[in-house]
């Protein structure tokens, strides 16, 4: 049986306590590697370019993105 590579996850949220809670909750999950965190969309874009996460978990409601 082959072992799967971990999903590389980056967290982007403007609230440090939310980022900390998500990191704490997800860091113990097998198959998930937290590769970075950002406090706003601009920082998230810069980090994503350099870290190449598989998934970005982002609070878009407070990041200046418009729905629709």
C-alpha atoms as a PDB file:
ATOM      1  CA  UNK A   1       0.000   0.000   0.000  1.00  0.00           C
ATOM      2  CA  UNK A   2       1.413   3.392  -0.978  1.00  0.00           C
ATOM      3  CA  UNK A   3       1.259   6.353   1.334  1.00  0.00           C
ATOM      4  CA  UNK A   4      -0.406   9.473  -0.056  1.00  0.00           C
ATOM      5  CA  UNK A   5       1.314  12.832   0.133  1.00  0.00           C
ATOM      6  CA  UNK A   6      -0.189  15.265   2.623  1.00  0.00           C
ATOM      7  CA  UNK A   7      -2.581  17.940   1.380  1.00  0.00           C
ATOM      8  CA  UNK A   8      -0.714  21.243   1.592  1.00  0.00           C
ATOM      9  CA  UNK A   9      -3.102  23.775   3.184  1.00  0.00           C
ATOM     10  CA  UNK A  10      -2.768  27.532   3.653  1.00  0.00           C
ATOM     11  CA  UNK A  11      -5.070  29.522   5.970  1.00  0.00           C
ATOM     12  CA  UNK A  12      -6.048  33.129   5.204  1.00  0.00           C
ATOM     13  CA  UNK A  13      -8.186  35.045   7.700  1.00  0.00           C
ATOM     14  CA  UNK A  14      -7.983  38.532   9.185  1.00  0.00           C
ATOM     15  CA  UNK A  15      -8.597  37.272  12.731  1.00  0.00           C
ATOM     16  CA  UNK A  16      -5.503  35.737  14.383  1.00  0.00           C
ATOM     17  CA  UNK A  17      -7.641  33.744  16.832  1.00  0.00           C
ATOM     18  CA  UNK A  18      -9.527  32.126  13.941  1.00  0.00           C
ATOM     19  CA  UNK A  19      -6.271  31.228  12.191  1.00  0.00           C
ATOM     20  CA  UNK A  20      -4.932  29.790  15.445  1.00  0.00           C
ATOM     21  CA  UNK A  21      -8.087  27.741  16.001  1.00  0.00           C
ATOM     22  CA  UNK A  22      -8.078  26.361  12.461  1.00  0.00           C
ATOM     23  CA  UNK A  23      -4.362  25.568  12.698  1.00  0.00           C
ATOM     24  CA  UNK A  24      -4.899  23.774  16.018  1.00  0.00           C
ATOM     25  CA  UNK A  25      -7.880  21.825  14.704  1.00  0.00           C
ATOM     26  CA  UNK A  26      -6.328  20.818  11.374  1.00  0.00           C
ATOM     27  CA  UNK A  27      -2.674  20.318  12.276  1.00  0.00           C
ATOM     28  CA  UNK A  28      -3.392  17.025  14.044  1.00  0.00           C
ATOM     29  CA  UNK A  29      -5.338  15.622  11.097  1.00  0.00           C
ATOM     30  CA  UNK A  30      -3.466  12.925   9.226  1.00  0.00           C
ATOM     31  CA  UNK A  31      -2.847  13.847   5.622  1.00  0.00           C
ATOM     32  CA  UNK A  32      -2.960  17.639   6.168  1.00  0.00           C
ATOM     33  CA  UNK A  33       0.107  19.843   6.324  1.00  0.00           C
ATOM     34  CA  UNK A  34      -0.372  23.529   7.210  1.00  0.00           C
ATOM     35  CA  UNK A  35       2.173  25.267   4.970  1.00  0.00           C
ATOM     36  CA  UNK A  36       1.343  28.891   5.727  1.00  0.00           C
ATOM     37  CA  UNK A  37      -0.960  31.522   7.174  1.00  0.00           C
ATOM     38  CA  UNK A  38      -1.832  35.056   6.129  1.00  0.00           C
ATOM     39  CA  UNK A  39      -3.855  37.861   7.679  1.00  0.00           C
ATOM     40  CA  UNK A  40      -5.148  39.420   4.468  1.00  0.00           C
ATOM     41  CA  UNK A  41      -5.703  38.661   0.790  1.00  0.00           C
ATOM     42  CA  UNK A  42      -2.574  40.457  -0.443  1.00  0.00           C
ATOM     43  CA  UNK A  43      -0.325  38.549   1.934  1.00  0.00           C
ATOM     44  CA  UNK A  44      -2.205  35.374   1.018  1.00  0.00           C
ATOM     45  CA  UNK A  45      -1.531  35.901  -2.688  1.00  0.00           C
ATOM     46  CA  UNK A  46       2.194  36.475  -2.080  1.00  0.00           C
ATOM     47  CA  UNK A  47       2.495  33.403   0.140  1.00  0.00           C
ATOM     48  CA  UNK A  48       0.477  31.225  -2.232  1.00  0.00           C
ATOM     49  CA  UNK A  49       2.842  32.117  -5.065  1.00  0.00           C
ATOM     50  CA  UNK A  50       5.860  31.015  -3.051  1.00  0.00           C
ATOM     51  CA  UNK A  51       4.387  28.093  -1.069  1.00  0.00           C
ATOM     52  CA  UNK A  52       2.192  26.494  -3.767  1.00  0.00           C
ATOM     53  CA  UNK A  53      -0.471  25.102  -1.412  1.00  0.00           C
ATOM     54  CA  UNK A  54      -2.927  22.519  -2.707  1.00  0.00           C
ATOM     55  CA  UNK A  55      -5.818  24.242  -0.902  1.00  0.00           C
ATOM     56  CA  UNK A  56      -6.323  27.771   0.426  1.00  0.00           C
ATOM     57  CA  UNK A  57      -8.857  28.100   3.234  1.00  0.00           C
ATOM     58  CA  UNK A  58      -9.869  31.781   3.044  1.00  0.00           C
ATOM     59  CA  UNK A  59     -12.532  33.974   4.643  1.00  0.00           C
ATOM     60  CA  UNK A  60     -13.530  35.878   1.502  1.00  0.00           C
ATOM     61  CA  UNK A  61     -16.390  37.783   3.179  1.00  0.00           C
ATOM     62  CA  UNK A  62     -13.957  40.100   4.956  1.00  0.00           C
ATOM     63  CA  UNK A  63     -11.207  40.180   2.341  1.00  0.00           C
ATOM     64  CA  UNK A  64     -12.731  42.732  -0.022  1.00  0.00           C
ATOM     65  CA  UNK A  65     -14.097  40.242  -2.525  1.00  0.00           C
ATOM     66  CA  UNK A  66     -17.576  40.840  -3.903  1.00  0.00           C
ATOM     67  CA  UNK A  67     -20.077  38.020  -4.105  1.00  0.00           C
ATOM     68  CA  UNK A  68     -21.932  37.382  -7.336  1.00  0.00           C
END
